[in-house]
PDB file of N, CA and C in Angstrom:
ATOM      1  N   MET A   1       0.853  -1.165   0.000  1.00  0.00           N
ATOM      2  CA  MET A   1       0.000   0.000   0.000  1.00  0.00           C
ATOM      3  C   MET A   1       0.903   1.233   0.000  1.00  0.00           C
ATOM      4  N   SER A   2       0.557   2.211  -0.782  1.00  0.00           N
ATOM      5  CA  SER A   2       1.397   3.402  -0.911  1.00  0.00           C
ATOM      6  C   SER A   2       1.191   4.343   0.277  1.00  0.00           C
ATOM      7  N   ALA A   3       2.142   5.197   0.480  1.00  0.00           N
ATOM      8  CA  ALA A   3       2.072   6.166   1.571  1.00  0.00           C
ATOM      9  C   ALA A   3       0.899   7.120   1.369  1.00  0.00           C
ATOM     10  N   LEU A   4       0.609   7.453   0.116  1.00  0.00           N
ATOM     11  CA  LEU A   4      -0.497   8.360  -0.179  1.00  0.00           C
ATOM     12  C   LEU A   4      -1.834   7.740   0.213  1.00  0.00           C
ATOM     13  N   SER A   5      -2.043   6.467  -0.107  1.00  0.00           N
ATOM     14  CA  SER A   5      -3.317   5.830   0.235  1.00  0.00           C
ATOM     15  C   SER A   5      -3.455   5.675   1.749  1.00  0.00           C
ATOM     16  N   GLU A   6      -2.351   5.430   2.435  1.00  0.00           N
ATOM     17  CA  GLU A   6      -2.413   5.348   3.899  1.00  0.00           C
ATOM     18  C   GLU A   6      -2.757   6.712   4.494  1.00  0.00           C
ATOM     19  N   THR A   7      -2.183   7.745   3.922  1.00  0.00           N
ATOM     20  CA  THR A   7      -2.477   9.106   4.387  1.00  0.00           C
ATOM     21  C   THR A   7      -3.945   9.443   4.146  1.00  0.00           C
ATOM     22  N   MET A   8      -4.456   9.101   2.969  1.00  0.00           N
ATOM     23  CA  MET A   8      -5.863   9.365   2.649  1.00  0.00           C
ATOM     24  C   MET A   8      -6.783   8.613   3.604  1.00  0.00           C
ATOM     25  N   ARG A   9      -6.447   7.365   3.880  1.00  0.00           N
ATOM     26  CA  ARG A   9      -7.261   6.567   4.793  1.00  0.00           C
ATOM     27  C   ARG A   9      -7.238   7.190   6.195  1.00  0.00           C
ATOM     28  N   GLY A  10      -6.068   7.673   6.599  1.00  0.00           N
ATOM     29  CA  GLY A  10      -5.956   8.340   7.901  1.00  0.00           C
ATOM     30  C   GLY A  10      -6.784   9.608   7.964  1.00  0.00           C
ATOM     31  N   VAL A  11      -6.773  10.371   6.883  1.00  0.00           N
ATOM     32  CA  VAL A  11      -7.554  11.610   6.825  1.00  0.00           C
ATOM     33  C   VAL A  11      -9.045  11.293   6.869  1.00  0.00           C
ATOM     34  N   GLU A  12      -9.479  10.293   6.123  1.00  0.00           N
ATOM     35  CA  GLU A  12     -10.894   9.900   6.120  1.00  0.00           C
ATOM     36  C   GLU A  12     -11.324   9.435   7.508  1.00  0.00           C
ATOM     37  N   TYR A  13     -10.470   8.675   8.175  1.00  0.00           N
ATOM     38  CA  TYR A  13     -10.769   8.190   9.521  1.00  0.00           C
ATOM     39  C   TYR A  13     -10.906   9.376  10.483  1.00  0.00           C
ATOM     40  N   ARG A  14      -9.955  10.314  10.390  1.00  0.00           N
ATOM     41  CA  ARG A  14      -9.996  11.498  11.248  1.00  0.00           C
ATOM     42  C   ARG A  14     -11.259  12.312  10.983  1.00  0.00           C
ATOM     43  N   ASP A  15     -11.596  12.509   9.717  1.00  0.00           N
ATOM     44  CA  ASP A  15     -12.795  13.270   9.367  1.00  0.00           C
ATOM     45  C   ASP A  15     -14.056  12.602   9.901  1.00  0.00           C
ATOM     46  N   ALA A  16     -14.119  11.284   9.788  1.00  0.00           N
ATOM     47  CA  ALA A  16     -15.286  10.548  10.295  1.00  0.00           C
ATOM     48  C   ALA A  16     -15.398  10.707  11.805  1.00  0.00           C
ATOM     49  N   ARG A  17     -14.276  10.647  12.507  1.00  0.00           N
ATOM     50  CA  ARG A  17     -14.290  10.820  13.965  1.00  0.00           C
ATOM     51  C   ARG A  17     -14.728  12.235  14.333  1.00  0.00           C
ATOM     52  N   MET A  18     -14.246  13.218  13.594  1.00  0.00           N
ATOM     53  CA  MET A  18     -14.617  14.606  13.874  1.00  0.00           C
ATOM     54  C   MET A  18     -16.107  14.843  13.620  1.00  0.00           C
ATOM     55  N   GLN A  19     -16.636  14.250  12.556  1.00  0.00           N
ATOM     56  CA  GLN A  19     -18.066  14.388  12.264  1.00  0.00           C
ATOM     57  C   GLN A  19     -18.900  13.712  13.345  1.00  0.00           C
ATOM     58  N   ALA A  20     -18.470  12.540  13.789  1.00  0.00           N
ATOM     59  CA  ALA A  20     -19.198  11.833  14.845  1.00  0.00           C
ATOM     60  C   ALA A  20     -19.166  12.638  16.141  1.00  0.00           C
ATOM     61  N   GLN A  21     -18.016  13.227  16.460  1.00  0.00           N
ATOM     62  CA  GLN A  21     -17.908  14.042  17.673  1.00  0.00           C
ATOM     63  C   GLN A  21     -18.788  15.281  17.570  1.00  0.00           C
ATOM     64  N   ALA A  22     -18.817  15.906  16.409  1.00  0.00           N
ATOM     65  CA  ALA A  22     -19.663  17.081  16.211  1.00  0.00           C
ATOM     66  C   ALA A  22     -21.137  16.717  16.385  1.00  0.00           C
ATOM     67  N   GLU A  23     -21.537  15.567  15.888  1.00  0.00           N
ATOM     68  CA  GLU A  23     -22.925  15.110  16.045  1.00  0.00           C
ATOM     69  C   GLU A  23     -23.248  14.856  17.518  1.00  0.00           C
ATOM     70  N   ARG A  24     -22.329  14.217  18.237  1.00  0.00           N
ATOM     71  CA  ARG A  24     -22.539  13.976  19.676  1.00  0.00           C
ATOM     72  C   ARG A  24     -22.634  15.300  20.433  1.00  0.00           C
ATOM     73  N   ASP A  25     -21.757  16.243  20.098  1.00  0.00           N
ATOM     74  CA  ASP A  25     -21.801  17.554  20.748  1.00  0.00           C
ATOM     75  C   ASP A  25     -23.129  18.251  20.484  1.00  0.00           C
ATOM     76  N   SER A  26     -23.617  18.163  19.258  1.00  0.00           N
ATOM     77  CA  SER A  26     -24.888  18.779  18.900  1.00  0.00           C
ATOM     78  C   SER A  26     -26.041  18.142  19.678  1.00  0.00           C
ATOM     79  N   GLN A  27     -26.023  16.826  19.795  1.00  0.00           N
ATOM     80  CA  GLN A  27     -27.068  16.130  20.545  1.00  0.00           C
ATOM     81  C   GLN A  27     -27.031  16.512  22.022  1.00  0.00           C
ATOM     82  N   ARG A  28     -25.834  16.616  22.581  1.00  0.00           N
ATOM     83  CA  ARG A  28     -25.705  17.016  23.989  1.00  0.00           C
ATOM     84  C   ARG A  28     -26.200  18.447  24.189  1.00  0.00           C
ATOM     85  N   PHE A  29     -25.850  19.326  23.267  1.00  0.00           N
ATOM     86  CA  PHE A  29     -26.314  20.706  23.361  1.00  0.00           C
ATOM     87  C   PHE A  29     -27.837  20.752  23.317  1.00  0.00           C
ATOM     88  N   ASP A  30     -28.432  20.037  22.364  1.00  0.00           N
ATOM     89  CA  ASP A  30     -29.892  20.022  22.237  1.00  0.00           C
ATOM     90  C   ASP A  30     -30.549  19.496  23.508  1.00  0.00           C
ATOM     91  N   ALA A  31     -29.996  18.420  24.069  1.00  0.00           N
ATOM     92  CA  ALA A  31     -30.554  17.848  25.297  1.00  0.00           C
ATOM     93  C   ALA A  31     -30.431  18.840  26.452  1.00  0.00           C
ATOM     94  N   GLY A  32     -29.296  19.494  26.568  1.00  0.00           N
ATOM     95  CA  GLY A  32     -29.102  20.489  27.623  1.00  0.00           C
ATOM     96  C   GLY A  32     -30.026  21.679  27.464  1.00  0.00           C
ATOM     97  N   TYR A  33     -30.215  22.112  26.226  1.00  0.00           N
ATOM     98  CA  TYR A  33     -31.106  23.235  25.948  1.00  0.00           C
ATOM     99  C   TYR A  33     -32.535  22.882  26.348  1.00  0.00           C
ATOM    100  N   GLU A  34     -32.986  21.705  25.943  1.00  0.00           N
ATOM    101  CA  GLU A  34     -34.349  21.276  26.272  1.00  0.00           C
ATOM    102  C   GLU A  34     -34.535  21.153  27.782  1.00  0.00           C
ATOM    103  N   LEU A  35     -33.537  20.619  28.463  1.00  0.00           N
ATOM    104  CA  LEU A  35     -33.613  20.490  29.914  1.00  0.00           C
ATOM    105  C   LEU A  35     -33.674  21.864  30.572  1.00  0.00           C
ATOM    106  N   GLY A  36     -32.848  22.783  30.100  1.00  0.00           N
ATOM    107  CA  GLY A  36     -32.855  24.140  30.644  1.00  0.00           C
ATOM    108  C   GLY A  36     -34.179  24.844  30.415  1.00  0.00           C
ATOM    109  N   MET A  37     -34.744  24.683  29.230  1.00  0.00           N
ATOM    110  CA  MET A  37     -36.036  25.307  28.936  1.00  0.00           C
ATOM    111  C   MET A  37     -37.138  24.713  29.808  1.00  0.00           C
ATOM    112  N   ALA A  38     -37.107  23.404  30.008  1.00  0.00           N
ATOM    113  CA  ALA A  38     -38.110  22.756  30.852  1.00  0.00           C
ATOM    114  C   ALA A  38     -37.989  23.244  32.293  1.00  0.00           C
ATOM    115  N   GLU A  39     -36.764  23.405  32.770  1.00  0.00           N
ATOM    116  CA  GLU A  39     -36.554  23.895  34.131  1.00  0.00           C
ATOM    117  C   GLU A  39     -37.060  25.330  34.274  1.00  0.00           C
ATOM    118  N   ALA A  40     -36.753  26.174  33.301  1.00  0.00           N
ATOM    119  CA  ALA A  40     -37.215  27.564  33.338  1.00  0.00           C
ATOM    120  C   ALA A  40     -38.741  27.630  33.305  1.00  0.00           C
ATOM    121  N   GLU A  41     -39.347  26.828  32.447  1.00  0.00           N
ATOM    122  CA  GLU A  41     -40.809  26.804  32.363  1.00  0.00           C
ATOM    123  C   GLU A  41     -41.414  26.364  33.691  1.00  0.00           C
ATOM    124  N   HIS A  42     -40.811  25.359  34.311  1.00  0.00           N
ATOM    125  CA  HIS A  42     -41.288  24.857  35.600  1.00  0.00           C
ATOM    126  C   HIS A  42     -41.201  25.954  36.664  1.00  0.00           C
ATOM    127  N   GLU A  43     -40.091  26.675  36.699  1.00  0.00           N
ATOM    128  CA  GLU A  43     -39.918  27.748  37.680  1.00  0.00           C
ATOM    129  C   GLU A  43     -40.925  28.870  37.460  1.00  0.00           C
ATOM    130  N   ILE A  44     -41.129  29.266  36.219  1.00  0.00           N
ATOM    131  CA  ILE A  44     -42.054  30.357  35.920  1.00  0.00           C
ATOM    132  C   ILE A  44     -43.493  29.938  36.225  1.00  0.00           C
ATOM    133  N   ALA A  45     -43.855  28.718  35.851  1.00  0.00           N
ATOM    134  CA  ALA A  45     -45.204  28.223  36.154  1.00  0.00           C
ATOM    135  C   ALA A  45     -45.402  28.112  37.664  1.00  0.00           C
ATOM    136  N   GLY A  46     -44.367  27.676  38.374  1.00  0.00           N
ATOM    137  CA  GLY A  46     -44.442  27.583  39.834  1.00  0.00           C
ATOM    138  C   GLY A  46     -44.677  28.947  40.461  1.00  0.00           C
ATOM    139  N   PHE A  47     -43.992  29.960  39.949  1.00  0.00           N
ATOM    140  CA  PHE A  47     -44.207  31.320  40.452  1.00  0.00           C
ATOM    141  C   PHE A  47     -45.654  31.747  40.227  1.00  0.00           C
ATOM    142  N   ALA A  48     -46.161  31.533  39.024  1.00  0.00           N
ATOM    143  CA  ALA A  48     -47.529  31.954  38.696  1.00  0.00           C
ATOM    144  C   ALA A  48     -48.555  31.232  39.566  1.00  0.00           C
ATOM    145  N   LYS A  49     -48.324  29.954  39.840  1.00  0.00           N
ATOM    146  CA  LYS A  49     -49.271  29.190  40.668  1.00  0.00           C
ATOM    147  C   LYS A  49     -49.255  29.644  42.121  1.00  0.00           C
ATOM    148  N   LYS A  50     -48.097  30.129  42.606  1.00  0.00           N
ATOM    149  CA  LYS A  50     -47.990  30.554  44.005  1.00  0.00           C
ATOM    150  C   LYS A  50     -48.455  31.991  44.222  1.00  0.00           C
ATOM    151  N   PHE A  51     -48.670  32.727  43.146  1.00  0.00           N
ATOM    152  CA  PHE A  51     -49.059  34.136  43.271  1.00  0.00           C
ATOM    153  C   PHE A  51     -50.413  34.241  43.955  1.00  0.00           C
ATOM    154  N   LYS A  52     -50.456  35.017  45.034  1.00  0.00           N
ATOM    155  CA  LYS A  52     -51.706  35.232  45.780  1.00  0.00           C
ATOM    156  C   LYS A  52     -52.219  36.632  45.466  1.00  0.00           C
ATOM    157  N   PHE A  53     -53.500  36.709  45.228  1.00  0.00           N
ATOM    158  CA  PHE A  53     -54.066  38.027  44.947  1.00  0.00           C
ATOM    159  C   PHE A  53     -55.258  38.284  45.848  1.00  0.00           C
ATOM    160  N   ASP A  54     -55.496  39.554  46.067  1.00  0.00           N
ATOM    161  CA  ASP A  54     -56.629  40.014  46.856  1.00  0.00           C
ATOM    162  C   ASP A  54     -57.783  40.252  45.892  1.00  0.00           C
ATOM    163  N   PRO A  55     -58.918  39.575  46.090  1.00  0.00           N
ATOM    164  CA  PRO A  55     -60.046  39.763  45.167  1.00  0.00           C
ATOM    165  C   PRO A  55     -60.551  41.210  45.132  1.00  0.00           C
ATOM    166  N   ASN A  56     -60.278  41.978  46.186  1.00  0.00           N
ATOM    167  CA  ASN A  56     -60.706  43.379  46.224  1.00  0.00           C
ATOM    168  C   ASN A  56     -59.720  44.298  45.508  1.00  0.00           C
ATOM    169  N   GLU A  57     -58.586  43.766  45.127  1.00  0.00           N
ATOM    170  CA  GLU A  57     -57.556  44.557  44.454  1.00  0.00           C
ATOM    171  C   GLU A  57     -57.980  44.800  43.002  1.00  0.00           C
ATOM    172  N   PRO A  58     -57.895  46.044  42.537  1.00  0.00           N
ATOM    173  CA  PRO A  58     -58.248  46.314  41.136  1.00  0.00           C
ATOM    174  C   PRO A  58     -57.334  45.524  40.183  1.00  0.00           C
ATOM    175  N   MET A  59     -57.869  45.164  39.045  1.00  0.00           N
ATOM    176  CA  MET A  59     -57.123  44.346  38.084  1.00  0.00           C
ATOM    177  C   MET A  59     -55.802  45.004  37.690  1.00  0.00           C
ATOM    178  N   ASP A  60     -55.820  46.314  37.457  1.00  0.00           N
ATOM    179  CA  ASP A  60     -54.593  47.013  37.063  1.00  0.00           C
ATOM    180  C   ASP A  60     -53.525  46.897  38.156  1.00  0.00           C
ATOM    181  N   ALA A  61     -53.930  47.103  39.395  1.00  0.00           N
ATOM    182  CA  ALA A  61     -52.982  47.005  40.516  1.00  0.00           C
ATOM    183  C   ALA A  61     -52.477  45.569  40.661  1.00  0.00           C
ATOM    184  N   ARG A  62     -53.364  44.609  40.486  1.00  0.00           N
ATOM    185  CA  ARG A  62     -52.982  43.195  40.582  1.00  0.00           C
ATOM    186  C   ARG A  62     -51.960  42.839  39.503  1.00  0.00           C
ATOM    187  N   CYS A  63     -52.209  43.300  38.285  1.00  0.00           N
ATOM    188  CA  CYS A  63     -51.282  43.010  37.179  1.00  0.00           C
ATOM    189  C   CYS A  63     -49.925  43.661  37.412  1.00  0.00           C
ATOM    190  N   ARG A  64     -49.937  44.910  37.891  1.00  0.00           N
ATOM    191  CA  ARG A  64     -48.664  45.592  38.173  1.00  0.00           C
ATOM    192  C   ARG A  64     -47.898  44.856  39.272  1.00  0.00           C
ATOM    193  N   ARG A  65     -48.583  44.444  40.309  1.00  0.00           N
ATOM    194  CA  ARG A  65     -47.926  43.719  41.402  1.00  0.00           C
ATOM    195  C   ARG A  65     -47.393  42.379  40.916  1.00  0.00           C
ATOM    196  N   PHE A  66     -48.179  41.676  40.096  1.00  0.00           N
ATOM    197  CA  PHE A  66     -47.725  40.393  39.557  1.00  0.00           C
ATOM    198  C   PHE A  66     -46.446  40.578  38.743  1.00  0.00           C
ATOM    199  N   VAL A  67     -46.452  41.568  37.850  1.00  0.00           N
ATOM    200  CA  VAL A  67     -45.269  41.808  37.015  1.00  0.00           C
ATOM    201  C   VAL A  67     -44.082  42.204  37.885  1.00  0.00           C
ATOM    202  N   ALA A  68     -44.308  43.064  38.882  1.00  0.00           N
ATOM    203  CA  ALA A  68     -43.213  43.485  39.760  1.00  0.00           C
ATOM    204  C   ALA A  68     -42.644  42.292  40.527  1.00  0.00           C
ATOM    205  N   GLU A  69     -43.507  41.445  41.063  1.00  0.00           N
ATOM    206  CA  GLU A  69     -43.030  40.266  41.790  1.00  0.00           C
ATOM    207  C   GLU A  69     -42.352  39.275  40.843  1.00  0.00           C
ATOM    208  N   PHE A  70     -42.879  39.152  39.637  1.00  0.00           N
ATOM    209  CA  PHE A  70     -42.262  38.261  38.651  1.00  0.00           C
ATOM    210  C   PHE A  70     -40.861  38.745  38.299  1.00  0.00           C
ATOM    211  N   ILE A  71     -40.730  40.036  38.067  1.00  0.00           N
ATOM    212  CA  ILE A  71     -39.412  40.605  37.758  1.00  0.00           C
ATOM    213  C   ILE A  71     -38.461  40.356  38.925  1.00  0.00           C
ATOM    214  N   GLY A  72     -38.944  40.560  40.133  1.00  0.00           N
ATOM    215  CA  GLY A  72     -38.112  40.311  41.311  1.00  0.00           C
ATOM    216  C   GLY A  72     -37.680  38.864  41.423  1.00  0.00           C
ATOM    217  N   SER A  73     -38.578  37.943  41.091  1.00  0.00           N
ATOM    218  CA  SER A  73     -38.221  36.520  41.178  1.00  0.00           C
ATOM    219  C   SER A  73     -37.246  36.122  40.080  1.00  0.00           C
ATOM    220  N   CYS A  74     -37.322  36.780  38.936  1.00  0.00           N
ATOM    221  CA  CYS A  74     -36.417  36.471  37.817  1.00  0.00           C
ATOM    222  C   CYS A  74     -35.039  37.089  37.997  1.00  0.00           C
ATOM    223  N   ASP A  75     -34.968  38.157  38.764  1.00  0.00           N
ATOM    224  CA  ASP A  75     -33.742  38.949  38.823  1.00  0.00           C
ATOM    225  C   ASP A  75     -32.535  38.157  39.306  1.00  0.00           C
ATOM    226  N   CYS A  76     -32.732  37.188  40.195  1.00  0.00           N
ATOM    227  CA  CYS A  76     -31.573  36.466  40.730  1.00  0.00           C
ATOM    228  C   CYS A  76     -31.015  35.451  39.736  1.00  0.00           C
ATOM    229  N   CYS A  77     -31.850  34.816  38.933  1.00  0.00           N
ATOM    230  CA  CYS A  77     -31.379  33.765  38.018  1.00  0.00           C
ATOM    231  C   CYS A  77     -31.503  34.137  36.544  1.00  0.00           C
ATOM    232  N   TYR A  78     -32.454  34.967  36.237  1.00  0.00           N
ATOM    233  CA  TYR A  78     -32.722  35.320  34.842  1.00  0.00           C
ATOM    234  C   TYR A  78     -32.608  36.835  34.680  1.00  0.00           C
ATOM    235  N   ASP A  79     -31.413  37.349  34.895  1.00  0.00           N
ATOM    236  CA  ASP A  79     -31.183  38.790  34.905  1.00  0.00           C
ATOM    237  C   ASP A  79     -31.641  39.449  33.609  1.00  0.00           C
ATOM    238  N   GLU A  80     -31.285  38.863  32.473  1.00  0.00           N
ATOM    239  CA  GLU A  80     -31.662  39.453  31.179  1.00  0.00           C
ATOM    240  C   GLU A  80     -33.173  39.441  30.989  1.00  0.00           C
ATOM    241  N   LEU A  81     -33.835  38.360  31.416  1.00  0.00           N
ATOM    242  CA  LEU A  81     -35.295  38.290  31.318  1.00  0.00           C
ATOM    243  C   LEU A  81     -35.925  39.361  32.194  1.00  0.00           C
ATOM    244  N   ALA A  82     -35.429  39.516  33.411  1.00  0.00           N
ATOM    245  CA  ALA A  82     -35.968  40.529  34.316  1.00  0.00           C
ATOM    246  C   ALA A  82     -35.833  41.921  33.706  1.00  0.00           C
ATOM    247  N   LYS A  83     -34.673  42.218  33.144  1.00  0.00           N
ATOM    248  CA  LYS A  83     -34.454  43.526  32.522  1.00  0.00           C
ATOM    249  C   LYS A  83     -35.384  43.731  31.330  1.00  0.00           C
ATOM    250  N   ALA A  84     -35.536  42.700  30.512  1.00  0.00           N
ATOM    251  CA  ALA A  84     -36.373  42.816  29.317  1.00  0.00           C
ATOM    252  C   ALA A  84     -37.838  43.030  29.679  1.00  0.00           C
ATOM    253  N   VAL A  85     -38.342  42.291  30.667  1.00  0.00           N
ATOM    254  CA  VAL A  85     -39.741  42.449  31.077  1.00  0.00           C
ATOM    255  C   VAL A  85     -39.945  43.828  31.690  1.00  0.00           C
ATOM    256  N   ALA A  86     -39.026  44.239  32.554  1.00  0.00           N
ATOM    257  CA  ALA A  86     -39.144  45.558  33.180  1.00  0.00           C
ATOM    258  C   ALA A  86     -39.147  46.660  32.129  1.00  0.00           C
ATOM    259  N   GLU A  87     -38.282  46.536  31.151  1.00  0.00           N
ATOM    260  CA  GLU A  87     -38.222  47.535  30.083  1.00  0.00           C
ATOM    261  C   GLU A  87     -39.490  47.510  29.233  1.00  0.00           C
ATOM    262  N   ALA A  88     -39.997  46.317  28.959  1.00  0.00           N
ATOM    263  CA  ALA A  88     -41.184  46.185  28.111  1.00  0.00           C
ATOM    264  C   ALA A  88     -42.415  46.829  28.737  1.00  0.00           C
ATOM    265  N   VAL A  89     -42.524  46.744  30.058  1.00  0.00           N
ATOM    266  CA  VAL A  89     -43.708  47.299  30.718  1.00  0.00           C
ATOM    267  C   VAL A  89     -43.442  48.663  31.342  1.00  0.00           C
ATOM    268  N   GLY A  90     -42.201  49.148  31.235  1.00  0.00           N
ATOM    269  CA  GLY A  90     -41.869  50.473  31.749  1.00  0.00           C
ATOM    270  C   GLY A  90     -41.774  50.557  33.257  1.00  0.00           C
ATOM    271  N   MET A  91     -41.473  49.445  33.903  1.00  0.00           N
ATOM    272  CA  MET A  91     -41.338  49.441  35.358  1.00  0.00           C
ATOM    273  C   MET A  91     -39.878  49.581  35.748  1.00  0.00           C
ATOM    274  N   PHE A  92     -39.663  50.172  36.888  1.00  0.00           N
ATOM    275  CA  PHE A  92     -38.331  50.266  37.493  1.00  0.00           C
ATOM    276  C   PHE A  92     -37.325  50.921  36.562  1.00  0.00           C
ATOM    277  N   ASP A  93     -37.729  51.929  35.841  1.00  0.00           N
ATOM    278  CA  ASP A  93     -36.797  52.616  34.932  1.00  0.00           C
ATOM    279  C   ASP A  93     -35.550  53.041  35.693  1.00  0.00           C
ATOM    280  N   GLY A  94     -34.404  52.569  35.225  1.00  0.00           N
ATOM    281  CA  GLY A  94     -33.133  52.910  35.834  1.00  0.00           C
ATOM    282  C   GLY A  94     -32.779  52.111  37.065  1.00  0.00           C
ATOM    283  N   GLU A  95     -33.673  51.280  37.572  1.00  0.00           N
ATOM    284  CA  GLU A  95     -33.401  50.502  38.776  1.00  0.00           C
ATOM    285  C   GLU A  95     -32.949  49.089  38.476  1.00  0.00           C
ATOM    286  N   VAL A  96     -33.408  48.502  37.360  1.00  0.00           N
ATOM    287  CA  VAL A  96     -33.096  47.095  37.064  1.00  0.00           C
ATOM    288  C   VAL A  96     -31.893  47.033  36.169  1.00  0.00           C
TER     289      VAL A  96
END
């Protein structure tokens, strides 16, 4: 067998290994992303389920309090989300 064919076989083997590793990395990333999204959804749903409201509280005040408490709960782990929500609703200008 010539040196060139051995080199080509080595290159093909290396390329196949690199492609397989890239596929494994992609699968791991996808699994991690899905797990992270599920965890975030669980935390946000948990917050919404625990929210207590006063039936005598006007809807506008209730919504503002909910958003403020939601932003506060997000601020420790989801800083960018907290900032984006606060900016979107115009709350805490300059504070978040």
